[in-house]
Amino acid sequence: MDNKDSMVDEEADIRKMLNTYVTNSPYKLNPDKKIVDRVVKGLVMRKSKYGHAYCPCRIVSGDIEKDKKAICPCVYHKEEIERDGECHCNLFVRGN
């Protein structure tokens, strides 16, 4: 399998994870497909580079304990959605 195929597979895996998450949470994916696509691409790139799907809007420090808070869905998204109606990267938004 070449690198492009593995990226396509990784994107499918991340989309599946996101859909499972929103199905089992009070949140939903941003209705703007372009935003979701952009964030998913960032998650795929970070998974390829760092081994985990770190939120593209968070800085990866290299400290695994510290950085695990930024693995999507990050620990910050619930508070951000409660406060702002969406998470910092706009991937998740408040449900109905």
PDB file of N, CA and C in Angstrom:
ATOM      1  N   MET A   1       0.853  -1.184   0.000  1.00  0.00           N
ATOM      2  CA  MET A   1       0.000   0.000   0.000  1.00  0.00           C
ATOM      3  C   MET A   1       0.894   1.241   0.000  1.00  0.00           C
ATOM      4  N   ASP A   2       0.623   2.188  -0.882  1.00  0.00           N
ATOM      5  CA  ASP A   2       1.452   3.383  -0.905  1.00  0.00           C
ATOM      6  C   ASP A   2       0.942   4.409   0.112  1.00  0.00           C
ATOM      7  N   ASN A   3       1.691   5.485   0.235  1.00  0.00           N
ATOM      8  CA  ASN A   3       1.395   6.504   1.237  1.00  0.00           C
ATOM      9  C   ASN A   3       0.018   7.129   1.024  1.00  0.00           C
ATOM     10  N   LYS A   4      -0.365   7.336  -0.249  1.00  0.00           N
ATOM     11  CA  LYS A   4      -1.678   7.941  -0.534  1.00  0.00           C
ATOM     12  C   LYS A   4      -2.804   7.023  -0.057  1.00  0.00           C
ATOM     13  N   ASP A   5      -2.666   5.722  -0.290  1.00  0.00           N
ATOM     14  CA  ASP A   5      -3.680   4.773   0.178  1.00  0.00           C
ATOM     15  C   ASP A   5      -3.776   4.769   1.695  1.00  0.00           C
ATOM     16  N   SER A   6      -2.623   4.823   2.367  1.00  0.00           N
ATOM     17  CA  SER A   6      -2.666   4.804   3.827  1.00  0.00           C
ATOM     18  C   SER A   6      -3.300   6.084   4.375  1.00  0.00           C
ATOM     19  N   MET A   7      -3.095   7.207   3.691  1.00  0.00           N
ATOM     20  CA  MET A   7      -3.725   8.465   4.110  1.00  0.00           C
ATOM     21  C   MET A   7      -5.241   8.399   3.907  1.00  0.00           C
ATOM     22  N   VAL A   8      -5.674   7.793   2.811  1.00  0.00           N
ATOM     23  CA  VAL A   8      -7.110   7.639   2.555  1.00  0.00           C
ATOM     24  C   VAL A   8      -7.720   6.742   3.629  1.00  0.00           C
ATOM     25  N   ASP A   9      -7.036   5.655   3.957  1.00  0.00           N
ATOM     26  CA  ASP A   9      -7.517   4.757   5.016  1.00  0.00           C
ATOM     27  C   ASP A   9      -7.567   5.475   6.354  1.00  0.00           C
ATOM     28  N   GLU A  10      -6.539   6.256   6.643  1.00  0.00           N
ATOM     29  CA  GLU A  10      -6.485   6.992   7.912  1.00  0.00           C
ATOM     30  C   GLU A  10      -7.620   8.000   7.990  1.00  0.00           C
ATOM     31  N   GLU A  11      -7.889   8.686   6.885  1.00  0.00           N
ATOM     32  CA  GLU A  11      -8.990   9.654   6.858  1.00  0.00           C
ATOM     33  C   GLU A  11     -10.318   8.946   7.118  1.00  0.00           C
ATOM     34  N   ALA A  12     -10.518   7.795   6.512  1.00  0.00           N
ATOM     35  CA  ALA A  12     -11.754   7.027   6.729  1.00  0.00           C
ATOM     36  C   ALA A  12     -11.878   6.615   8.199  1.00  0.00           C
ATOM     37  N   ASP A  13     -10.766   6.189   8.790  1.00  0.00           N
ATOM     38  CA  ASP A  13     -10.777   5.793  10.208  1.00  0.00           C
ATOM     39  C   ASP A  13     -11.121   6.981  11.111  1.00  0.00           C
ATOM     40  N   ILE A  14     -10.545   8.133  10.820  1.00  0.00           N
ATOM     41  CA  ILE A  14     -10.812   9.325  11.640  1.00  0.00           C
ATOM     42  C   ILE A  14     -12.265   9.764  11.471  1.00  0.00           C
ATOM     43  N   ARG A  15     -12.773   9.753  10.257  1.00  0.00           N
ATOM     44  CA  ARG A  15     -14.184  10.122  10.045  1.00  0.00           C
ATOM     45  C   ARG A  15     -15.121   9.160  10.786  1.00  0.00           C
ATOM     46  N   LYS A  16     -14.783   7.886  10.770  1.00  0.00           N
ATOM     47  CA  LYS A  16     -15.590   6.899  11.495  1.00  0.00           C
ATOM     48  C   LYS A  16     -15.563   7.195  12.996  1.00  0.00           C
ATOM     49  N   MET A  17     -14.378   7.489  13.528  1.00  0.00           N
ATOM     50  CA  MET A  17     -14.241   7.819  14.947  1.00  0.00           C
ATOM     51  C   MET A  17     -15.074   9.058  15.285  1.00  0.00           C
ATOM     52  N   LEU A  18     -15.005  10.078  14.454  1.00  0.00           N
ATOM     53  CA  LEU A  18     -15.755  11.316  14.699  1.00  0.00           C
ATOM     54  C   LEU A  18     -17.258  11.067  14.658  1.00  0.00           C
ATOM     55  N   ASN A  19     -17.702  10.296  13.682  1.00  0.00           N
ATOM     56  CA  ASN A  19     -19.135  10.001  13.576  1.00  0.00           C
ATOM     57  C   ASN A  19     -19.620   9.182  14.764  1.00  0.00           C
ATOM     58  N   THR A  20     -18.817   8.231  15.208  1.00  0.00           N
ATOM     59  CA  THR A  20     -19.174   7.453  16.400  1.00  0.00           C
ATOM     60  C   THR A  20     -19.251   8.374  17.615  1.00  0.00           C
ATOM     61  N   TYR A  21     -18.281   9.280  17.725  1.00  0.00           N
ATOM     62  CA  TYR A  21     -18.265  10.193  18.867  1.00  0.00           C
ATOM     63  C   TYR A  21     -19.525  11.055  18.901  1.00  0.00           C
ATOM     64  N   VAL A  22     -19.876  11.690  17.783  1.00  0.00           N
ATOM     65  CA  VAL A  22     -21.043  12.578  17.808  1.00  0.00           C
ATOM     66  C   VAL A  22     -22.341  11.804  17.984  1.00  0.00           C
ATOM     67  N   THR A  23     -22.384  10.552  17.544  1.00  0.00           N
ATOM     68  CA  THR A  23     -23.571   9.713  17.741  1.00  0.00           C
ATOM     69  C   THR A  23     -23.806   9.457  19.226  1.00  0.00           C
ATOM     70  N   ASN A  24     -22.720   9.384  19.984  1.00  0.00           N
ATOM     71  CA  ASN A  24     -22.799   9.058  21.411  1.00  0.00           C
ATOM     72  C   ASN A  24     -22.538  10.257  22.312  1.00  0.00           C
ATOM     73  N   SER A  25     -22.654  11.458  21.793  1.00  0.00           N
ATOM     74  CA  SER A  25     -22.414  12.668  22.592  1.00  0.00           C
ATOM     75  C   SER A  25     -23.521  13.686  22.310  1.00  0.00           C
ATOM     76  N   PRO A  26     -23.579  14.744  23.110  1.00  0.00           N
ATOM     77  CA  PRO A  26     -24.585  15.784  22.851  1.00  0.00           C
ATOM     78  C   PRO A  26     -24.162  16.763  21.754  1.00  0.00           C
ATOM     79  N   TYR A  27     -23.046  16.505  21.092  1.00  0.00           N
ATOM     80  CA  TYR A  27     -22.512  17.417  20.079  1.00  0.00           C
ATOM     81  C   TYR A  27     -22.742  16.869  18.680  1.00  0.00           C
ATOM     82  N   LYS A  28     -22.525  17.724  17.703  1.00  0.00           N
ATOM     83  CA  LYS A  28     -22.589  17.275  16.320  1.00  0.00           C
ATOM     84  C   LYS A  28     -21.417  17.882  15.567  1.00  0.00           C
ATOM     85  N   LEU A  29     -21.141  17.338  14.390  1.00  0.00           N
ATOM     86  CA  LEU A  29     -20.093  17.914  13.555  1.00  0.00           C
ATOM     87  C   LEU A  29     -20.599  19.224  12.971  1.00  0.00           C
ATOM     88  N   ASN A  30     -19.691  20.124  12.734  1.00  0.00           N
ATOM     89  CA  ASN A  30     -20.039  21.395  12.121  1.00  0.00           C
ATOM     90  C   ASN A  30     -20.792  21.119  10.821  1.00  0.00           C
ATOM     91  N   PRO A  31     -21.923  21.784  10.600  1.00  0.00           N
ATOM     92  CA  PRO A  31     -22.673  21.557   9.357  1.00  0.00           C
ATOM     93  C   PRO A  31     -21.930  22.037   8.109  1.00  0.00           C
ATOM     94  N   ASP A  32     -20.890  22.853   8.283  1.00  0.00           N
ATOM     95  CA  ASP A  32     -20.091  23.318   7.150  1.00  0.00           C
ATOM     96  C   ASP A  32     -19.073  22.235   6.782  1.00  0.00           C
ATOM     97  N   LYS A  33     -19.347  21.517   5.712  1.00  0.00           N
ATOM     98  CA  LYS A  33     -18.516  20.381   5.294  1.00  0.00           C
ATOM     99  C   LYS A  33     -17.068  20.798   5.028  1.00  0.00           C
ATOM    100  N   LYS A  34     -16.839  22.013   4.534  1.00  0.00           N
ATOM    101  CA  LYS A  34     -15.476  22.479   4.252  1.00  0.00           C
ATOM    102  C   LYS A  34     -14.656  22.571   5.538  1.00  0.00           C
ATOM    103  N   ILE A  35     -15.273  23.028   6.613  1.00  0.00           N
ATOM    104  CA  ILE A  35     -14.574  23.114   7.897  1.00  0.00           C
ATOM    105  C   ILE A  35     -14.229  21.713   8.393  1.00  0.00           C
ATOM    106  N   VAL A  36     -15.199  20.806   8.333  1.00  0.00           N
ATOM    107  CA  VAL A  36     -14.963  19.427   8.775  1.00  0.00           C
ATOM    108  C   VAL A  36     -13.842  18.805   7.941  1.00  0.00           C
ATOM    109  N   ASP A  37     -13.889  18.977   6.631  1.00  0.00           N
ATOM    110  CA  ASP A  37     -12.860  18.413   5.757  1.00  0.00           C
ATOM    111  C   ASP A  37     -11.481  18.962   6.101  1.00  0.00           C
ATOM    112  N   ARG A  38     -11.388  20.258   6.363  1.00  0.00           N
ATOM    113  CA  ARG A  38     -10.102  20.896   6.691  1.00  0.00           C
ATOM    114  C   ARG A  38      -9.543  20.328   7.993  1.00  0.00           C
ATOM    115  N   VAL A  39     -10.405  20.212   9.007  1.00  0.00           N
ATOM    116  CA  VAL A  39      -9.945  19.699  10.298  1.00  0.00           C
ATOM    117  C   VAL A  39      -9.559  18.225  10.175  1.00  0.00           C
ATOM    118  N   VAL A  40     -10.337  17.449   9.441  1.00  0.00           N
ATOM    119  CA  VAL A  40     -10.014  16.026   9.248  1.00  0.00           C
ATOM    120  C   VAL A  40      -8.653  15.888   8.569  1.00  0.00           C
ATOM    121  N   LYS A  41      -8.385  16.688   7.550  1.00  0.00           N
ATOM    122  CA  LYS A  41      -7.074  16.646   6.882  1.00  0.00           C
ATOM    123  C   LYS A  41      -5.961  16.947   7.889  1.00  0.00           C
ATOM    124  N   GLY A  42      -6.188  17.928   8.758  1.00  0.00           N
ATOM    125  CA  GLY A  42      -5.203  18.255   9.787  1.00  0.00           C
ATOM    126  C   GLY A  42      -4.998  17.110  10.763  1.00  0.00           C
ATOM    127  N   LEU A  43      -6.076  16.435  11.132  1.00  0.00           N
ATOM    128  CA  LEU A  43      -5.973  15.279  12.027  1.00  0.00           C
ATOM    129  C   LEU A  43      -5.190  14.150  11.369  1.00  0.00           C
ATOM    130  N   VAL A  44      -5.439  13.916  10.085  1.00  0.00           N
ATOM    131  CA  VAL A  44      -4.721  12.873   9.347  1.00  0.00           C
ATOM    132  C   VAL A  44      -3.229  13.214   9.293  1.00  0.00           C
ATOM    133  N   MET A  45      -2.910  14.451   8.993  1.00  0.00           N
ATOM    134  CA  MET A  45      -1.506  14.864   8.916  1.00  0.00           C
ATOM    135  C   MET A  45      -0.814  14.686  10.265  1.00  0.00           C
ATOM    136  N   ARG A  46      -1.500  15.069  11.318  1.00  0.00           N
ATOM    137  CA  ARG A  46      -0.897  14.940  12.652  1.00  0.00           C
ATOM    138  C   ARG A  46      -0.753  13.482  13.074  1.00  0.00           C
ATOM    139  N   LYS A  47      -1.718  12.656  12.709  1.00  0.00           N
ATOM    140  CA  LYS A  47      -1.609  11.230  13.030  1.00  0.00           C
ATOM    141  C   LYS A  47      -0.419  10.637  12.294  1.00  0.00           C
ATOM    142  N   SER A  48      -0.235  11.031  11.041  1.00  0.00           N
ATOM    143  CA  SER A  48       0.890  10.549  10.243  1.00  0.00           C
ATOM    144  C   SER A  48       2.224  11.020  10.836  1.00  0.00           C
ATOM    145  N   LYS A  49       2.267  12.273  11.271  1.00  0.00           N
ATOM    146  CA  LYS A  49       3.519  12.861  11.772  1.00  0.00           C
ATOM    147  C   LYS A  49       3.841  12.438  13.197  1.00  0.00           C
ATOM    148  N   TYR A  50       2.825  12.419  14.080  1.00  0.00           N
ATOM    149  CA  TYR A  50       3.065  12.211  15.509  1.00  0.00           C
ATOM    150  C   TYR A  50       2.562  10.874  16.055  1.00  0.00           C
ATOM    151  N   GLY A  51       1.745  10.163  15.258  1.00  0.00           N
ATOM    152  CA  GLY A  51       1.238   8.885  15.719  1.00  0.00           C
ATOM    153  C   GLY A  51      -0.113   8.957  16.414  1.00  0.00           C
ATOM    154  N   HIS A  52      -0.615  10.154  16.645  1.00  0.00           N
ATOM    155  CA  HIS A  52      -1.933  10.354  17.258  1.00  0.00           C
ATOM    156  C   HIS A  52      -2.644  11.481  16.511  1.00  0.00           C
ATOM    157  N   ALA A  53      -3.967  11.454  16.526  1.00  0.00           N
ATOM    158  CA  ALA A  53      -4.757  12.492  15.850  1.00  0.00           C
ATOM    159  C   ALA A  53      -4.916  13.689  16.784  1.00  0.00           C
ATOM    160  N   TYR A  54      -3.826  14.448  16.915  1.00  0.00           N
ATOM    161  CA  TYR A  54      -3.869  15.645  17.756  1.00  0.00           C
ATOM    162  C   TYR A  54      -4.678  16.726  17.067  1.00  0.00           C
ATOM    163  N   CYS A  55      -5.452  17.444  17.847  1.00  0.00           N
ATOM    164  CA  CYS A  55      -6.241  18.560  17.339  1.00  0.00           C
ATOM    165  C   CYS A  55      -5.324  19.509  16.565  1.00  0.00           C
ATOM    166  N   PRO A  56      -5.689  19.865  15.336  1.00  0.00           N
ATOM    167  CA  PRO A  56      -4.827  20.735  14.536  1.00  0.00           C
ATOM    168  C   PRO A  56      -4.698  22.159  15.083  1.00  0.00           C
ATOM    169  N   CYS A  57      -5.569  22.542  16.009  1.00  0.00           N
ATOM    170  CA  CYS A  57      -5.473  23.905  16.543  1.00  0.00           C
ATOM    171  C   CYS A  57      -4.709  23.949  17.871  1.00  0.00           C
ATOM    172  N   ARG A  58      -4.102  22.850  18.257  1.00  0.00           N
ATOM    173  CA  ARG A  58      -3.316  22.783  19.497  1.00  0.00           C
ATOM    174  C   ARG A  58      -1.842  22.561  19.154  1.00  0.00           C
ATOM    175  N   ILE A  59      -0.983  23.062  20.008  1.00  0.00           N
ATOM    176  CA  ILE A  59       0.449  22.881  19.826  1.00  0.00           C
ATOM    177  C   ILE A  59       0.856  21.530  20.415  1.00  0.00           C
ATOM    178  N   VAL A  60       1.621  20.765  19.654  1.00  0.00           N
ATOM    179  CA  VAL A  60       2.155  19.491  20.130  1.00  0.00           C
ATOM    180  C   VAL A  60       3.545  19.780  20.688  1.00  0.00           C
ATOM    181  N   SER A  61       3.722  19.502  21.973  1.00  0.00           N
ATOM    182  CA  SER A  61       4.975  19.858  22.650  1.00  0.00           C
ATOM    183  C   SER A  61       6.028  18.759  22.588  1.00  0.00           C
ATOM    184  N   GLY A  62       5.598  17.516  22.382  1.00  0.00           N
ATOM    185  CA  GLY A  62       6.525  16.403  22.441  1.00  0.00           C
ATOM    186  C   GLY A  62       6.476  15.678  23.778  1.00  0.00           C
ATOM    187  N   ASP A  63       5.797  16.288  24.767  1.00  0.00           N
ATOM    188  CA  ASP A  63       5.587  15.660  26.074  1.00  0.00           C
ATOM    189  C   ASP A  63       4.299  14.838  25.978  1.00  0.00           C
ATOM    190  N   ILE A  64       4.441  13.519  25.906  1.00  0.00           N
ATOM    191  CA  ILE A  64       3.295  12.643  25.657  1.00  0.00           C
ATOM    192  C   ILE A  64       2.191  12.841  26.687  1.00  0.00           C
ATOM    193  N   GLU A  65       2.534  12.957  27.952  1.00  0.00           N
ATOM    194  CA  GLU A  65       1.520  13.142  28.997  1.00  0.00           C
ATOM    195  C   GLU A  65       0.734  14.431  28.789  1.00  0.00           C
ATOM    196  N   LYS A  66       1.436  15.498  28.471  1.00  0.00           N
ATOM    197  CA  LYS A  66       0.802  16.800  28.248  1.00  0.00           C
ATOM    198  C   LYS A  66      -0.007  16.784  26.939  1.00  0.00           C
ATOM    199  N   ASP A  67       0.585  16.211  25.905  1.00  0.00           N
ATOM    200  CA  ASP A  67      -0.034  16.234  24.576  1.00  0.00           C
ATOM    201  C   ASP A  67      -1.273  15.356  24.477  1.00  0.00           C
ATOM    202  N   LYS A  68      -1.402  14.330  25.304  1.00  0.00           N
ATOM    203  CA  LYS A  68      -2.562  13.445  25.155  1.00  0.00           C
ATOM    204  C   LYS A  68      -3.877  14.181  25.391  1.00  0.00           C
ATOM    205  N   LYS A  69      -3.826  15.325  26.063  1.00  0.00           N
ATOM    206  CA  LYS A  69      -5.022  16.152  26.256  1.00  0.00           C
ATOM    207  C   LYS A  69      -5.518  16.728  24.929  1.00  0.00           C
ATOM    208  N   ALA A  70      -4.631  16.778  23.932  1.00  0.00           N
ATOM    209  CA  ALA A  70      -4.972  17.379  22.640  1.00  0.00           C
ATOM    210  C   ALA A  70      -5.365  16.344  21.588  1.00  0.00           C
ATOM    211  N   ILE A  71      -5.446  15.063  21.971  1.00  0.00           N
ATOM    212  CA  ILE A  71      -5.898  14.057  21.010  1.00  0.00           C
ATOM    213  C   ILE A  71      -7.398  14.241  20.804  1.00  0.00           C
ATOM    214  N   CYS A  72      -7.809  14.311  19.563  1.00  0.00           N
ATOM    215  CA  CYS A  72      -9.209  14.561  19.218  1.00  0.00           C
ATOM    216  C   CYS A  72     -10.098  13.378  19.629  1.00  0.00           C
ATOM    217  N   PRO A  73     -11.239  13.649  20.257  1.00  0.00           N
ATOM    218  CA  PRO A  73     -11.700  14.946  20.740  1.00  0.00           C
ATOM    219  C   PRO A  73     -10.928  15.362  21.985  1.00  0.00           C
ATOM    220  N   CYS A  74     -10.375  16.551  21.952  1.00  0.00           N
ATOM    221  CA  CYS A  74      -9.494  17.027  23.027  1.00  0.00           C
ATOM    222  C   CYS A  74     -10.285  17.276  24.315  1.00  0.00           C
ATOM    223  N   VAL A  75      -9.560  17.371  25.416  1.00  0.00           N
ATOM    224  CA  VAL A  75     -10.219  17.566  26.706  1.00  0.00           C
ATOM    225  C   VAL A  75     -10.867  18.946  26.822  1.00  0.00           C
ATOM    226  N   TYR A  76     -10.510  19.853  25.944  1.00  0.00           N
ATOM    227  CA  TYR A  76     -10.996  21.225  26.031  1.00  0.00           C
ATOM    228  C   TYR A  76     -12.325  21.453  25.312  1.00  0.00           C
ATOM    229  N   HIS A  77     -12.715  20.542  24.427  1.00  0.00           N
ATOM    230  CA  HIS A  77     -13.848  20.820  23.539  1.00  0.00           C
ATOM    231  C   HIS A  77     -15.169  20.995  24.270  1.00  0.00           C
ATOM    232  N   LYS A  78     -15.415  20.263  25.335  1.00  0.00           N
ATOM    233  CA  LYS A  78     -16.705  20.375  26.034  1.00  0.00           C
ATOM    234  C   LYS A  78     -16.889  21.768  26.623  1.00  0.00           C
ATOM    235  N   GLU A  79     -15.853  22.251  27.306  1.00  0.00           N
ATOM    236  CA  GLU A  79     -15.924  23.594  27.896  1.00  0.00           C
ATOM    237  C   GLU A  79     -16.067  24.663  26.813  1.00  0.00           C
ATOM    238  N   GLU A  80     -15.345  24.512  25.716  1.00  0.00           N
ATOM    239  CA  GLU A  80     -15.418  25.486  24.624  1.00  0.00           C
ATOM    240  C   GLU A  80     -16.805  25.502  23.988  1.00  0.00           C
ATOM    241  N   ILE A  81     -17.382  24.332  23.775  1.00  0.00           N
ATOM    242  CA  ILE A  81     -18.719  24.264  23.176  1.00  0.00           C
ATOM    243  C   ILE A  81     -19.748  24.863  24.130  1.00  0.00           C
ATOM    244  N   GLU A  82     -19.609  24.564  25.408  1.00  0.00           N
ATOM    245  CA  GLU A  82     -20.518  25.133  26.410  1.00  0.00           C
ATOM    246  C   GLU A  82     -20.457  26.654  26.388  1.00  0.00           C
ATOM    247  N   ARG A  83     -19.240  27.180  26.284  1.00  0.00           N
ATOM    248  CA  ARG A  83     -19.030  28.631  26.328  1.00  0.00           C
ATOM    249  C   ARG A  83     -19.328  29.309  24.995  1.00  0.00           C
ATOM    250  N   ASP A  84     -18.851  28.708  23.875  1.00  0.00           N
ATOM    251  CA  ASP A  84     -18.873  29.385  22.584  1.00  0.00           C
ATOM    252  C   ASP A  84     -19.825  28.778  21.556  1.00  0.00           C
ATOM    253  N   GLY A  85     -20.371  27.603  21.861  1.00  0.00           N
ATOM    254  CA  GLY A  85     -21.249  26.930  20.909  1.00  0.00           C
ATOM    255  C   GLY A  85     -20.507  26.042  19.922  1.00  0.00           C
ATOM    256  N   GLU A  86     -19.181  26.110  19.960  1.00  0.00           N
ATOM    257  CA  GLU A  86     -18.337  25.283  19.102  1.00  0.00           C
ATOM    258  C   GLU A  86     -16.971  25.138  19.751  1.00  0.00           C
ATOM    259  N   CYS A  87     -16.248  24.099  19.351  1.00  0.00           N
ATOM    260  CA  CYS A  87     -14.893  23.943  19.879  1.00  0.00           C
ATOM    261  C   CYS A  87     -13.954  24.888  19.134  1.00  0.00           C
ATOM    262  N   HIS A  88     -12.747  25.016  19.636  1.00  0.00           N
ATOM    263  CA  HIS A  88     -11.787  25.979  19.095  1.00  0.00           C
ATOM    264  C   HIS A  88     -11.534  25.796  17.603  1.00  0.00           C
ATOM    265  N   CYS A  89     -11.450  24.544  17.134  1.00  0.00           N
ATOM    266  CA  CYS A  89     -11.173  24.324  15.708  1.00  0.00           C
ATOM    267  C   CYS A  89     -12.448  24.267  14.873  1.00  0.00           C
ATOM    268  N   ASN A  90     -13.612  24.444  15.507  1.00  0.00           N
ATOM    269  CA  ASN A  90     -14.917  24.472  14.846  1.00  0.00           C
ATOM    270  C   ASN A  90     -15.384  23.123  14.320  1.00  0.00           C
ATOM    271  N   LEU A  91     -14.751  22.037  14.764  1.00  0.00           N
ATOM    272  CA  LEU A  91     -15.156  20.712  14.306  1.00  0.00           C
ATOM    273  C   LEU A  91     -16.461  20.295  14.941  1.00  0.00           C
ATOM    274  N   PHE A  92     -16.545  20.446  16.257  1.00  0.00           N
ATOM    275  CA  PHE A  92     -17.748  20.075  16.997  1.00  0.00           C
ATOM    276  C   PHE A  92     -18.542  21.310  17.365  1.00  0.00           C
ATOM    277  N   VAL A  93     -19.856  21.187  17.267  1.00  0.00           N
ATOM    278  CA  VAL A  93     -20.739  22.294  17.641  1.00  0.00           C
ATOM    279  C   VAL A  93     -21.816  21.768  18.575  1.00  0.00           C
ATOM    280  N   ARG A  94     -22.458  22.683  19.238  1.00  0.00           N
ATOM    281  CA  ARG A  94     -23.538  22.318  20.163  1.00  0.00           C
ATOM    282  C   ARG A  94     -24.652  21.602  19.407  1.00  0.00           C
ATOM    283  N   GLY A  95     -25.143  20.530  20.007  1.00  0.00           N
ATOM    284  CA  GLY A  95     -26.263  19.808  19.411  1.00  0.00           C
ATOM    285  C   GLY A  95     -27.555  20.587  19.651  1.00  0.00           C
ATOM    286  N   ASN A  96     -28.667  20.028  19.249  1.00  0.00           N
ATOM    287  CA  ASN A  96     -29.947  20.735  19.397  1.00  0.00           C
ATOM    288  C   ASN A  96     -30.393  20.858  20.796  1.00  0.00           C
TER     289      ASN A  96
END
